[in-house]
Amino acid sequence: LAVCIVSIAGLGMFFSRGSVGGPMQLWALAINAMLVIGAAAMALRYA
């Protein structure tokens, strides 16, 4: 639950307050967040 909330909150912060770095870094973080949520869902499913 925490990794999913951290991922969503992190994206919320980046889009609402901005961040250092360029758009490539923002896209990388967005993809990372989606992968975290997807992997967490699969881990829970098989457990």
ModelCIF file with pLDDT and N, C-alpha, C, O atoms, coordinates in Angstrom:
data_MODEL
#
_entry.id   MODEL 
#
_entity.id                         1 
_entity.type                       polymer 
_entity.pdbx_number_of_molecules   1 
#
_entity_poly.entity_id                      1 
_entity_poly.type                           'polypeptide(L)' 
_entity_poly.nstd_linkage                   no 
_entity_poly.nstd_monomer                   no 
_entity_poly.pdbx_seq_one_letter_code       LAVCIVSIAGLGMFFSRGSVGGPMQLWALAINAMLVIGAAAMALRYA 
_entity_poly.pdbx_seq_one_letter_code_can   LAVCIVSIAGLGMFFSRGSVGGPMQLWALAINAMLVIGAAAMALRYA 
_entity_poly.pdbx_strand_id                 A 
#
loop_
_entity_poly_seq.entity_id 
_entity_poly_seq.num 
_entity_poly_seq.mon_id 
_entity_poly_seq.hetero 
1 1  LEU n 
1 2  ALA n 
1 3  VAL n 
1 4  CYS n 
1 5  ILE n 
1 6  VAL n 
1 7  SER n 
1 8  ILE n 
1 9  ALA n 
1 10 GLY n 
1 11 LEU n 
1 12 GLY n 
1 13 MET n 
1 14 PHE n 
1 15 PHE n 
1 16 SER n 
1 17 ARG n 
1 18 GLY n 
1 19 SER n 
1 20 VAL n 
1 21 GLY n 
1 22 GLY n 
1 23 PRO n 
1 24 MET n 
1 25 GLN n 
1 26 LEU n 
1 27 TRP n 
1 28 ALA n 
1 29 LEU n 
1 30 ALA n 
1 31 ILE n 
1 32 ASN n 
1 33 ALA n 
1 34 MET n 
1 35 LEU n 
1 36 VAL n 
1 37 ILE n 
1 38 GLY n 
1 39 ALA n 
1 40 ALA n 
1 41 ALA n 
1 42 MET n 
1 43 ALA n 
1 44 LEU n 
1 45 ARG n 
1 46 TYR n 
1 47 ALA n 
#
_struct_asym.id          A 
_struct_asym.entity_id   1 
#
loop_
_ma_qa_metric.id 
_ma_qa_metric.mode 
_ma_qa_metric.name 
_ma_qa_metric.software_group_id 
_ma_qa_metric.type 
1 global pLDDT . pLDDT 
2 local  pLDDT . pLDDT 
#
_ma_qa_metric_global.metric_id      1 
_ma_qa_metric_global.metric_value   87.21 
_ma_qa_metric_global.model_id       1 
_ma_qa_metric_global.ordinal_id     1 
#
loop_
_ma_qa_metric_local.label_asym_id 
_ma_qa_metric_local.label_comp_id 
_ma_qa_metric_local.label_seq_id 
_ma_qa_metric_local.metric_id 
_ma_qa_metric_local.metric_value 
_ma_qa_metric_local.model_id 
_ma_qa_metric_local.ordinal_id 
A LEU 1  2 95.00 1 1  
A ALA 2  2 94.00 1 2  
A VAL 3  2 95.00 1 3  
A CYS 4  2 95.00 1 4  
A ILE 5  2 93.00 1 5  
A VAL 6  2 91.00 1 6  
A SER 7  2 90.00 1 7  
A ILE 8  2 88.00 1 8  
A ALA 9  2 84.00 1 9  
A GLY 10 2 80.00 1 10 
A LEU 11 2 80.00 1 11 
A GLY 12 2 78.00 1 12 
A MET 13 2 76.00 1 13 
A PHE 14 2 72.00 1 14 
A PHE 15 2 71.00 1 15 
A SER 16 2 69.00 1 16 
A ARG 17 2 65.00 1 17 
A GLY 18 2 63.00 1 18 
A SER 19 2 66.00 1 19 
A VAL 20 2 68.00 1 20 
A GLY 21 2 75.00 1 21 
A GLY 22 2 77.00 1 22 
A PRO 23 2 82.00 1 23 
A MET 24 2 86.00 1 24 
A GLN 25 2 86.00 1 25 
A LEU 26 2 86.00 1 26 
A TRP 27 2 89.00 1 27 
A ALA 28 2 92.00 1 28 
A LEU 29 2 89.00 1 29 
A ALA 30 2 89.00 1 30 
A ILE 31 2 94.00 1 31 
A ASN 32 2 95.00 1 32 
A ALA 33 2 93.00 1 33 
A MET 34 2 94.00 1 34 
A LEU 35 2 97.00 1 35 
A VAL 36 2 97.00 1 36 
A ILE 37 2 96.00 1 37 
A GLY 38 2 97.00 1 38 
A ALA 39 2 98.00 1 39 
A ALA 40 2 97.00 1 40 
A ALA 41 2 97.00 1 41 
A MET 42 2 98.00 1 42 
A ALA 43 2 97.00 1 43 
A LEU 44 2 96.00 1 44 
A ARG 45 2 97.00 1 45 
A TYR 46 2 97.00 1 46 
A ALA 47 2 95.00 1 47 
#
loop_
_atom_site.group_PDB 
_atom_site.id 
_atom_site.type_symbol 
_atom_site.label_atom_id 
_atom_site.label_alt_id 
_atom_site.label_comp_id 
_atom_site.label_asym_id 
_atom_site.label_entity_id 
_atom_site.label_seq_id 
_atom_site.pdbx_PDB_ins_code 
_atom_site.Cartn_x 
_atom_site.Cartn_y 
_atom_site.Cartn_z 
_atom_site.occupancy 
_atom_site.B_iso_or_equiv 
_atom_site.pdbx_formal_charge 
_atom_site.auth_seq_id 
_atom_site.auth_comp_id 
_atom_site.auth_asym_id 
_atom_site.auth_atom_id 
_atom_site.pdbx_PDB_model_num 
ATOM 1   N N  . LEU A 1 1  ? 0.835  -1.202  0.000   1.00 95.00 ? 1  LEU A N  1 
ATOM 2   C CA . LEU A 1 1  ? 0.000  0.000   0.000   1.00 95.00 ? 1  LEU A CA 1 
ATOM 3   C C  . LEU A 1 1  ? 0.872  1.255   0.000   1.00 95.00 ? 1  LEU A C  1 
ATOM 4   O O  . LEU A 1 1  ? 0.578  2.224   -0.700  1.00 95.00 ? 1  LEU A O  1 
ATOM 5   N N  . ALA A 1 2  ? 1.944  1.228   0.788   1.00 94.00 ? 2  ALA A N  1 
ATOM 6   C CA . ALA A 1 2  ? 2.808  2.409   0.904   1.00 94.00 ? 2  ALA A CA 1 
ATOM 7   C C  . ALA A 1 2  ? 3.513  2.725   -0.405  1.00 94.00 ? 2  ALA A C  1 
ATOM 8   O O  . ALA A 1 2  ? 3.599  3.891   -0.790  1.00 94.00 ? 2  ALA A O  1 
ATOM 9   N N  . VAL A 1 3  ? 4.021  1.701   -1.100  1.00 95.00 ? 3  VAL A N  1 
ATOM 10  C CA . VAL A 1 3  ? 4.737  1.991   -2.347  1.00 95.00 ? 3  VAL A CA 1 
ATOM 11  C C  . VAL A 1 3  ? 3.790  2.576   -3.394  1.00 95.00 ? 3  VAL A C  1 
ATOM 12  O O  . VAL A 1 3  ? 4.186  3.420   -4.197  1.00 95.00 ? 3  VAL A O  1 
ATOM 13  N N  . CYS A 1 4  ? 2.540  2.123   -3.377  1.00 95.00 ? 4  CYS A N  1 
ATOM 14  C CA . CYS A 1 4  ? 1.561  2.673   -4.326  1.00 95.00 ? 4  CYS A CA 1 
ATOM 15  C C  . CYS A 1 4  ? 1.239  4.131   -3.986  1.00 95.00 ? 4  CYS A C  1 
ATOM 16  O O  . CYS A 1 4  ? 1.169  4.977   -4.877  1.00 95.00 ? 4  CYS A O  1 
ATOM 17  N N  . ILE A 1 5  ? 1.046  4.418   -2.710  1.00 93.00 ? 5  ILE A N  1 
ATOM 18  C CA . ILE A 1 5  ? 0.736  5.800   -2.294  1.00 93.00 ? 5  ILE A CA 1 
ATOM 19  C C  . ILE A 1 5  ? 1.931  6.714   -2.567  1.00 93.00 ? 5  ILE A C  1 
ATOM 20  O O  . ILE A 1 5  ? 1.763  7.832   -3.053  1.00 93.00 ? 5  ILE A O  1 
ATOM 21  N N  . VAL A 1 6  ? 3.142  6.233   -2.252  1.00 91.00 ? 6  VAL A N  1 
ATOM 22  C CA . VAL A 1 6  ? 4.344  7.029   -2.516  1.00 91.00 ? 6  VAL A CA 1 
ATOM 23  C C  . VAL A 1 6  ? 4.453  7.350   -4.003  1.00 91.00 ? 6  VAL A C  1 
ATOM 24  O O  . VAL A 1 6  ? 4.784  8.476   -4.374  1.00 91.00 ? 6  VAL A O  1 
ATOM 25  N N  . SER A 1 7  ? 4.178  6.378   -4.840  1.00 90.00 ? 7  SER A N  1 
ATOM 26  C CA . SER A 1 7  ? 4.269  6.589   -6.288  1.00 90.00 ? 7  SER A CA 1 
ATOM 27  C C  . SER A 1 7  ? 3.249  7.627   -6.751  1.00 90.00 ? 7  SER A C  1 
ATOM 28  O O  . SER A 1 7  ? 3.579  8.531   -7.518  1.00 90.00 ? 7  SER A O  1 
ATOM 29  N N  . ILE A 1 8  ? 2.017  7.492   -6.285  1.00 88.00 ? 8  ILE A N  1 
ATOM 30  C CA . ILE A 1 8  ? 0.960  8.432   -6.682  1.00 88.00 ? 8  ILE A CA 1 
ATOM 31  C C  . ILE A 1 8  ? 1.243  9.826   -6.122  1.00 88.00 ? 8  ILE A C  1 
ATOM 32  O O  . ILE A 1 8  ? 1.082  10.828  -6.819  1.00 88.00 ? 8  ILE A O  1 
ATOM 33  N N  . ALA A 1 9  ? 1.670  9.880   -4.846  1.00 84.00 ? 9  ALA A N  1 
ATOM 34  C CA . ALA A 1 9  ? 1.971  11.174  -4.228  1.00 84.00 ? 9  ALA A CA 1 
ATOM 35  C C  . ALA A 1 9  ? 3.153  11.840  -4.915  1.00 84.00 ? 9  ALA A C  1 
ATOM 36  O O  . ALA A 1 9  ? 3.164  13.056  -5.107  1.00 84.00 ? 9  ALA A O  1 
ATOM 37  N N  . GLY A 1 10 ? 4.147  11.042  -5.285  1.00 80.00 ? 10 GLY A N  1 
ATOM 38  C CA . GLY A 1 10 ? 5.300  11.598  -5.982  1.00 80.00 ? 10 GLY A CA 1 
ATOM 39  C C  . GLY A 1 10 ? 4.914  12.227  -7.305  1.00 80.00 ? 10 GLY A C  1 
ATOM 40  O O  . GLY A 1 10 ? 5.362  13.324  -7.639  1.00 80.00 ? 10 GLY A O  1 
ATOM 41  N N  . LEU A 1 11 ? 4.078  11.524  -8.058  1.00 80.00 ? 11 LEU A N  1 
ATOM 42  C CA . LEU A 1 11 ? 3.602  12.088  -9.328  1.00 80.00 ? 11 LEU A CA 1 
ATOM 43  C C  . LEU A 1 11 ? 2.790  13.353  -9.087  1.00 80.00 ? 11 LEU A C  1 
ATOM 44  O O  . LEU A 1 11 ? 2.913  14.330  -9.825  1.00 80.00 ? 11 LEU A O  1 
ATOM 45  N N  . GLY A 1 12 ? 1.960  13.327  -8.049  1.00 78.00 ? 12 GLY A N  1 
ATOM 46  C CA . GLY A 1 12 ? 1.171  14.513  -7.729  1.00 78.00 ? 12 GLY A CA 1 
ATOM 47  C C  . GLY A 1 12 ? 2.045  15.710  -7.424  1.00 78.00 ? 12 GLY A C  1 
ATOM 48  O O  . GLY A 1 12 ? 1.742  16.828  -7.842  1.00 78.00 ? 12 GLY A O  1 
ATOM 49  N N  . MET A 1 13 ? 3.137  15.481  -6.690  1.00 76.00 ? 13 MET A N  1 
ATOM 50  C CA . MET A 1 13 ? 4.040  16.578  -6.363  1.00 76.00 ? 13 MET A CA 1 
ATOM 51  C C  . MET A 1 13 ? 4.744  17.119  -7.595  1.00 76.00 ? 13 MET A C  1 
ATOM 52  O O  . MET A 1 13 ? 4.880  18.331  -7.763  1.00 76.00 ? 13 MET A O  1 
ATOM 53  N N  . PHE A 1 14 ? 5.190  16.213  -8.454  1.00 72.00 ? 14 PHE A N  1 
ATOM 54  C CA . PHE A 1 14 ? 5.919  16.653  -9.632  1.00 72.00 ? 14 PHE A CA 1 
ATOM 55  C C  . PHE A 1 14 ? 5.030  17.463  -10.572 1.00 72.00 ? 14 PHE A C  1 
ATOM 56  O O  . PHE A 1 14 ? 5.469  18.458  -11.150 1.00 72.00 ? 14 PHE A O  1 
ATOM 57  N N  . PHE A 1 15 ? 3.783  17.032  -10.721 1.00 71.00 ? 15 PHE A N  1 
ATOM 58  C CA . PHE A 1 15 ? 2.897  17.738  -11.637 1.00 71.00 ? 15 PHE A CA 1 
ATOM 59  C C  . PHE A 1 15 ? 2.343  19.029  -11.030 1.00 71.00 ? 15 PHE A C  1 
ATOM 60  O O  . PHE A 1 15 ? 2.058  19.984  -11.753 1.00 71.00 ? 15 PHE A O  1 
ATOM 61  N N  . SER A 1 16 ? 2.190  19.059  -9.707  1.00 69.00 ? 16 SER A N  1 
ATOM 62  C CA . SER A 1 16 ? 1.618  20.262  -9.083  1.00 69.00 ? 16 SER A CA 1 
ATOM 63  C C  . SER A 1 16 ? 2.678  21.302  -8.741  1.00 69.00 ? 16 SER A C  1 
ATOM 64  O O  . SER A 1 16 ? 2.426  22.502  -8.846  1.00 69.00 ? 16 SER A O  1 
ATOM 65  N N  . ARG A 1 17 ? 3.866  20.848  -8.332  1.00 65.00 ? 17 ARG A N  1 
ATOM 66  C CA . ARG A 1 17 ? 4.904  21.791  -7.903  1.00 65.00 ? 17 ARG A CA 1 
ATOM 67  C C  . ARG A 1 17 ? 6.113  21.807  -8.822  1.00 65.00 ? 17 ARG A C  1 
ATOM 68  O O  . ARG A 1 17 ? 7.005  22.642  -8.668  1.00 65.00 ? 17 ARG A O  1 
ATOM 69  N N  . GLY A 1 18 ? 6.145  20.893  -9.769  1.00 63.00 ? 18 GLY A N  1 
ATOM 70  C CA . GLY A 1 18 ? 7.291  20.851  -10.652 1.00 63.00 ? 18 GLY A CA 1 
ATOM 71  C C  . GLY A 1 18 ? 8.479  20.188  -9.983  1.00 63.00 ? 18 GLY A C  1 
ATOM 72  O O  . GLY A 1 18 ? 8.416  19.808  -8.814  1.00 63.00 ? 18 GLY A O  1 
ATOM 73  N N  . SER A 1 19 ? 9.556  20.054  -10.730 1.00 66.00 ? 19 SER A N  1 
ATOM 74  C CA . SER A 1 19 ? 10.752 19.416  -10.199 1.00 66.00 ? 19 SER A CA 1 
ATOM 75  C C  . SER A 1 19 ? 11.941 19.845  -11.027 1.00 66.00 ? 19 SER A C  1 
ATOM 76  O O  . SER A 1 19 ? 11.800 20.364  -12.135 1.00 66.00 ? 19 SER A O  1 
ATOM 77  N N  . VAL A 1 20 ? 13.123 19.615  -10.464 1.00 68.00 ? 20 VAL A N  1 
ATOM 78  C CA . VAL A 1 20 ? 14.329 19.871  -11.241 1.00 68.00 ? 20 VAL A CA 1 
ATOM 79  C C  . VAL A 1 20 ? 14.421 18.810  -12.331 1.00 68.00 ? 20 VAL A C  1 
ATOM 80  O O  . VAL A 1 20 ? 13.819 17.741  -12.227 1.00 68.00 ? 20 VAL A O  1 
ATOM 81  N N  . GLY A 1 21 ? 15.177 19.116  -13.369 1.00 75.00 ? 21 GLY A N  1 
ATOM 82  C CA . GLY A 1 21 ? 15.322 18.160  -14.455 1.00 75.00 ? 21 GLY A CA 1 
ATOM 83  C C  . GLY A 1 21 ? 14.368 18.445  -15.594 1.00 75.00 ? 21 GLY A C  1 
ATOM 84  O O  . GLY A 1 21 ? 13.484 19.297  -15.497 1.00 75.00 ? 21 GLY A O  1 
ATOM 85  N N  . GLY A 1 22 ? 14.567 17.714  -16.673 1.00 77.00 ? 22 GLY A N  1 
ATOM 86  C CA . GLY A 1 22 ? 13.774 17.925  -17.870 1.00 77.00 ? 22 GLY A CA 1 
ATOM 87  C C  . GLY A 1 22 ? 12.632 16.951  -18.009 1.00 77.00 ? 22 GLY A C  1 
ATOM 88  O O  . GLY A 1 22 ? 12.384 16.139  -17.117 1.00 77.00 ? 22 GLY A O  1 
ATOM 89  N N  . PRO A 1 23 ? 11.925 17.030  -19.142 1.00 82.00 ? 23 PRO A N  1 
ATOM 90  C CA . PRO A 1 23 ? 10.772 16.158  -19.368 1.00 82.00 ? 23 PRO A CA 1 
ATOM 91  C C  . PRO A 1 23 ? 11.121 14.675  -19.416 1.00 82.00 ? 23 PRO A C  1 
ATOM 92  O O  . PRO A 1 23 ? 10.302 13.835  -19.045 1.00 82.00 ? 23 PRO A O  1 
ATOM 93  N N  . MET A 1 24 ? 12.337 14.344  -19.872 1.00 86.00 ? 24 MET A N  1 
ATOM 94  C CA . MET A 1 24 ? 12.732 12.930  -19.900 1.00 86.00 ? 24 MET A CA 1 
ATOM 95  C C  . MET A 1 24 ? 12.746 12.339  -18.503 1.00 86.00 ? 24 MET A C  1 
ATOM 96  O O  . MET A 1 24 ? 12.323 11.201  -18.301 1.00 86.00 ? 24 MET A O  1 
ATOM 97  N N  . GLN A 1 25 ? 13.230 13.109  -17.542 1.00 86.00 ? 25 GLN A N  1 
ATOM 98  C CA . GLN A 1 25 ? 13.252 12.626  -16.160 1.00 86.00 ? 25 GLN A CA 1 
ATOM 99  C C  . GLN A 1 25 ? 11.842 12.477  -15.602 1.00 86.00 ? 25 GLN A C  1 
ATOM 100 O O  . GLN A 1 25 ? 11.559 11.552  -14.840 1.00 86.00 ? 25 GLN A O  1 
ATOM 101 N N  . LEU A 1 26 ? 10.960 13.399  -15.990 1.00 86.00 ? 26 LEU A N  1 
ATOM 102 C CA . LEU A 1 26 ? 9.579  13.314  -15.525 1.00 86.00 ? 26 LEU A CA 1 
ATOM 103 C C  . LEU A 1 26 ? 8.885  12.087  -16.111 1.00 86.00 ? 26 LEU A C  1 
ATOM 104 O O  . LEU A 1 26 ? 8.142  11.398  -15.412 1.00 86.00 ? 26 LEU A O  1 
ATOM 105 N N  . TRP A 1 27 ? 9.125  11.818  -17.386 1.00 89.00 ? 27 TRP A N  1 
ATOM 106 C CA . TRP A 1 27 ? 8.551  10.623  -18.008 1.00 89.00 ? 27 TRP A CA 1 
ATOM 107 C C  . TRP A 1 27 ? 9.096  9.351   -17.365 1.00 89.00 ? 27 TRP A C  1 
ATOM 108 O O  . TRP A 1 27 ? 8.360  8.387   -17.154 1.00 89.00 ? 27 TRP A O  1 
ATOM 109 N N  . ALA A 1 28 ? 10.387 9.358   -17.058 1.00 92.00 ? 28 ALA A N  1 
ATOM 110 C CA . ALA A 1 28 ? 10.986 8.188   -16.416 1.00 92.00 ? 28 ALA A CA 1 
ATOM 111 C C  . ALA A 1 28 ? 10.348 7.922   -15.064 1.00 92.00 ? 28 ALA A C  1 
ATOM 112 O O  . ALA A 1 28 ? 10.071 6.773   -14.720 1.00 92.00 ? 28 ALA A O  1 
ATOM 113 N N  . LEU A 1 29 ? 10.111 8.985   -14.292 1.00 89.00 ? 29 LEU A N  1 
ATOM 114 C CA . LEU A 1 29 ? 9.475  8.833   -12.984 1.00 89.00 ? 29 LEU A CA 1 
ATOM 115 C C  . LEU A 1 29 ? 8.033  8.356   -13.114 1.00 89.00 ? 29 LEU A C  1 
ATOM 116 O O  . LEU A 1 29 ? 7.566  7.544   -12.315 1.00 89.00 ? 29 LEU A O  1 
ATOM 117 N N  . ALA A 1 30 ? 7.331  8.865   -14.125 1.00 89.00 ? 30 ALA A N  1 
ATOM 118 C CA . ALA A 1 30 ? 5.947  8.446   -14.329 1.00 89.00 ? 30 ALA A CA 1 
ATOM 119 C C  . ALA A 1 30 ? 5.874  6.964   -14.685 1.00 89.00 ? 30 ALA A C  1 
ATOM 120 O O  . ALA A 1 30 ? 5.015  6.241   -14.180 1.00 89.00 ? 30 ALA A O  1 
ATOM 121 N N  . ILE A 1 31 ? 6.774  6.515   -15.552 1.00 94.00 ? 31 ILE A N  1 
ATOM 122 C CA . ILE A 1 31 ? 6.805  5.093   -15.928 1.00 94.00 ? 31 ILE A CA 1 
ATOM 123 C C  . ILE A 1 31 ? 7.169  4.237   -14.722 1.00 94.00 ? 31 ILE A C  1 
ATOM 124 O O  . ILE A 1 31 ? 6.584  3.176   -14.505 1.00 94.00 ? 31 ILE A O  1 
ATOM 125 N N  . ASN A 1 32 ? 8.143  4.704   -13.937 1.00 95.00 ? 32 ASN A N  1 
ATOM 126 C CA . ASN A 1 32 ? 8.534  3.974   -12.732 1.00 95.00 ? 32 ASN A CA 1 
ATOM 127 C C  . ASN A 1 32 ? 7.348  3.809   -11.792 1.00 95.00 ? 32 ASN A C  1 
ATOM 128 O O  . ASN A 1 32 ? 7.121  2.727   -11.252 1.00 95.00 ? 32 ASN A O  1 
ATOM 129 N N  . ALA A 1 33 ? 6.582  4.901   -11.595 1.00 93.00 ? 33 ALA A N  1 
ATOM 130 C CA . ALA A 1 33 ? 5.427  4.849   -10.698 1.00 93.00 ? 33 ALA A CA 1 
ATOM 131 C C  . ALA A 1 33 ? 4.390  3.843   -11.187 1.00 93.00 ? 33 ALA A C  1 
ATOM 132 O O  . ALA A 1 33 ? 3.836  3.082   -10.394 1.00 93.00 ? 33 ALA A O  1 
ATOM 133 N N  . MET A 1 34 ? 4.129  3.840   -12.481 1.00 94.00 ? 34 MET A N  1 
ATOM 134 C CA . MET A 1 34 ? 3.145  2.897   -13.031 1.00 94.00 ? 34 MET A CA 1 
ATOM 135 C C  . MET A 1 34 ? 3.626  1.455   -12.914 1.00 94.00 ? 34 MET A C  1 
ATOM 136 O O  . MET A 1 34 ? 2.831  0.551   -12.656 1.00 94.00 ? 34 MET A O  1 
ATOM 137 N N  . LEU A 1 35 ? 4.929  1.239   -13.103 1.00 97.00 ? 35 LEU A N  1 
ATOM 138 C CA . LEU A 1 35 ? 5.474  -0.109  -12.964 1.00 97.00 ? 35 LEU A CA 1 
ATOM 139 C C  . LEU A 1 35 ? 5.404  -0.586  -11.515 1.00 97.00 ? 35 LEU A C  1 
ATOM 140 O O  . LEU A 1 35 ? 5.120  -1.755  -11.254 1.00 97.00 ? 35 LEU A O  1 
ATOM 141 N N  . VAL A 1 36 ? 5.664  0.317   -10.583 1.00 97.00 ? 36 VAL A N  1 
ATOM 142 C CA . VAL A 1 36 ? 5.570  -0.034  -9.160  1.00 97.00 ? 36 VAL A CA 1 
ATOM 143 C C  . VAL A 1 36 ? 4.157  -0.496  -8.820  1.00 97.00 ? 36 VAL A C  1 
ATOM 144 O O  . VAL A 1 36 ? 3.968  -1.539  -8.193  1.00 97.00 ? 36 VAL A O  1 
ATOM 145 N N  . ILE A 1 37 ? 3.168  0.292   -9.241  1.00 96.00 ? 37 ILE A N  1 
ATOM 146 C CA . ILE A 1 37 ? 1.774  -0.035  -8.933  1.00 96.00 ? 37 ILE A CA 1 
ATOM 147 C C  . ILE A 1 37 ? 1.370  -1.349  -9.586  1.00 96.00 ? 37 ILE A C  1 
ATOM 148 O O  . ILE A 1 37 ? 0.702  -2.175  -8.965  1.00 96.00 ? 37 ILE A O  1 
ATOM 149 N N  . GLY A 1 38 ? 1.775  -1.543  -10.836 1.00 97.00 ? 38 GLY A N  1 
ATOM 150 C CA . GLY A 1 38 ? 1.445  -2.786  -11.531 1.00 97.00 ? 38 GLY A CA 1 
ATOM 151 C C  . GLY A 1 38 ? 2.089  -3.998  -10.886 1.00 97.00 ? 38 GLY A C  1 
ATOM 152 O O  . GLY A 1 38 ? 1.439  -5.030  -10.720 1.00 97.00 ? 38 GLY A O  1 
ATOM 153 N N  . ALA A 1 39 ? 3.376  -3.886  -10.515 1.00 98.00 ? 39 ALA A N  1 
ATOM 154 C CA . ALA A 1 39 ? 4.079  -5.000  -9.876  1.00 98.00 ? 39 ALA A CA 1 
ATOM 155 C C  . ALA A 1 39 ? 3.502  -5.292  -8.497  1.00 98.00 ? 39 ALA A C  1 
ATOM 156 O O  . ALA A 1 39 ? 3.408  -6.453  -8.098  1.00 98.00 ? 39 ALA A O  1 
ATOM 157 N N  . ALA A 1 40 ? 3.117  -4.251  -7.767  1.00 97.00 ? 40 ALA A N  1 
ATOM 158 C CA . ALA A 1 40 ? 2.511  -4.443  -6.442  1.00 97.00 ? 40 ALA A CA 1 
ATOM 159 C C  . ALA A 1 40 ? 1.189  -5.193  -6.572  1.00 97.00 ? 40 ALA A C  1 
ATOM 160 O O  . ALA A 1 40 ? 0.882  -6.063  -5.758  1.00 97.00 ? 40 ALA A O  1 
ATOM 161 N N  . ALA A 1 41 ? 0.410  -4.854  -7.593  1.00 97.00 ? 41 ALA A N  1 
ATOM 162 C CA . ALA A 1 41 ? -0.861 -5.546  -7.817  1.00 97.00 ? 41 ALA A CA 1 
ATOM 163 C C  . ALA A 1 41 ? -0.630 -7.026  -8.122  1.00 97.00 ? 41 ALA A C  1 
ATOM 164 O O  . ALA A 1 41 ? -1.379 -7.883  -7.651  1.00 97.00 ? 41 ALA A O  1 
ATOM 165 N N  . MET A 1 42 ? 0.402  -7.327  -8.907  1.00 98.00 ? 42 MET A N  1 
ATOM 166 C CA . MET A 1 42 ? 0.704  -8.722  -9.235  1.00 98.00 ? 42 MET A CA 1 
ATOM 167 C C  . MET A 1 42 ? 1.206  -9.478  -8.005  1.00 98.00 ? 42 MET A C  1 
ATOM 168 O O  . MET A 1 42 ? 0.844  -10.637 -7.799  1.00 98.00 ? 42 MET A O  1 
ATOM 169 N N  . ALA A 1 43 ? 2.034  -8.832  -7.193  1.00 97.00 ? 43 ALA A N  1 
ATOM 170 C CA . ALA A 1 43 ? 2.526  -9.487  -5.968  1.00 97.00 ? 43 ALA A CA 1 
ATOM 171 C C  . ALA A 1 43 ? 1.373  -9.826  -5.043  1.00 97.00 ? 43 ALA A C  1 
ATOM 172 O O  . ALA A 1 43 ? 1.329  -10.916 -4.471  1.00 97.00 ? 43 ALA A O  1 
ATOM 173 N N  . LEU A 1 44 ? 0.436  -8.894  -4.892  1.00 96.00 ? 44 LEU A N  1 
ATOM 174 C CA . LEU A 1 44 ? -0.730 -9.138  -4.041  1.00 96.00 ? 44 LEU A CA 1 
ATOM 175 C C  . LEU A 1 44 ? -1.607 -10.236 -4.627  1.00 96.00 ? 44 LEU A C  1 
ATOM 176 O O  . LEU A 1 44 ? -2.096 -11.097 -3.895  1.00 96.00 ? 44 LEU A O  1 
ATOM 177 N N  . ARG A 1 45 ? -1.803 -10.214 -5.911  1.00 97.00 ? 45 ARG A N  1 
ATOM 178 C CA . ARG A 1 45 ? -2.658 -11.212 -6.578  1.00 97.00 ? 45 ARG A CA 1 
ATOM 179 C C  . ARG A 1 45 ? -2.146 -12.628 -6.322  1.00 97.00 ? 45 ARG A C  1 
ATOM 180 O O  . ARG A 1 45 ? -2.923 -13.516 -5.969  1.00 97.00 ? 45 ARG A O  1 
ATOM 181 N N  . TYR A 1 46 ? -0.842 -12.840 -6.498  1.00 97.00 ? 46 TYR A N  1 
ATOM 182 C CA . TYR A 1 46 ? -0.310 -14.202 -6.348  1.00 97.00 ? 46 TYR A CA 1 
ATOM 183 C C  . TYR A 1 46 ? -0.197 -14.608 -4.875  1.00 97.00 ? 46 TYR A C  1 
ATOM 184 O O  . TYR A 1 46 ? -0.249 -15.795 -4.553  1.00 97.00 ? 46 TYR A O  1 
ATOM 185 N N  . ALA A 1 47 ? -0.042 -13.628 -3.984  1.00 95.00 ? 47 ALA A N  1 
ATOM 186 C CA . ALA A 1 47 ? -0.045 -13.958 -2.551  1.00 95.00 ? 47 ALA A CA 1 
ATOM 187 C C  . ALA A 1 47 ? -1.422 -14.445 -2.134  1.00 95.00 ? 47 ALA A C  1 
ATOM 188 O O  . ALA A 1 47 ? -1.634 -14.773 -0.967  1.00 95.00 ? 47 ALA A O  1 
#
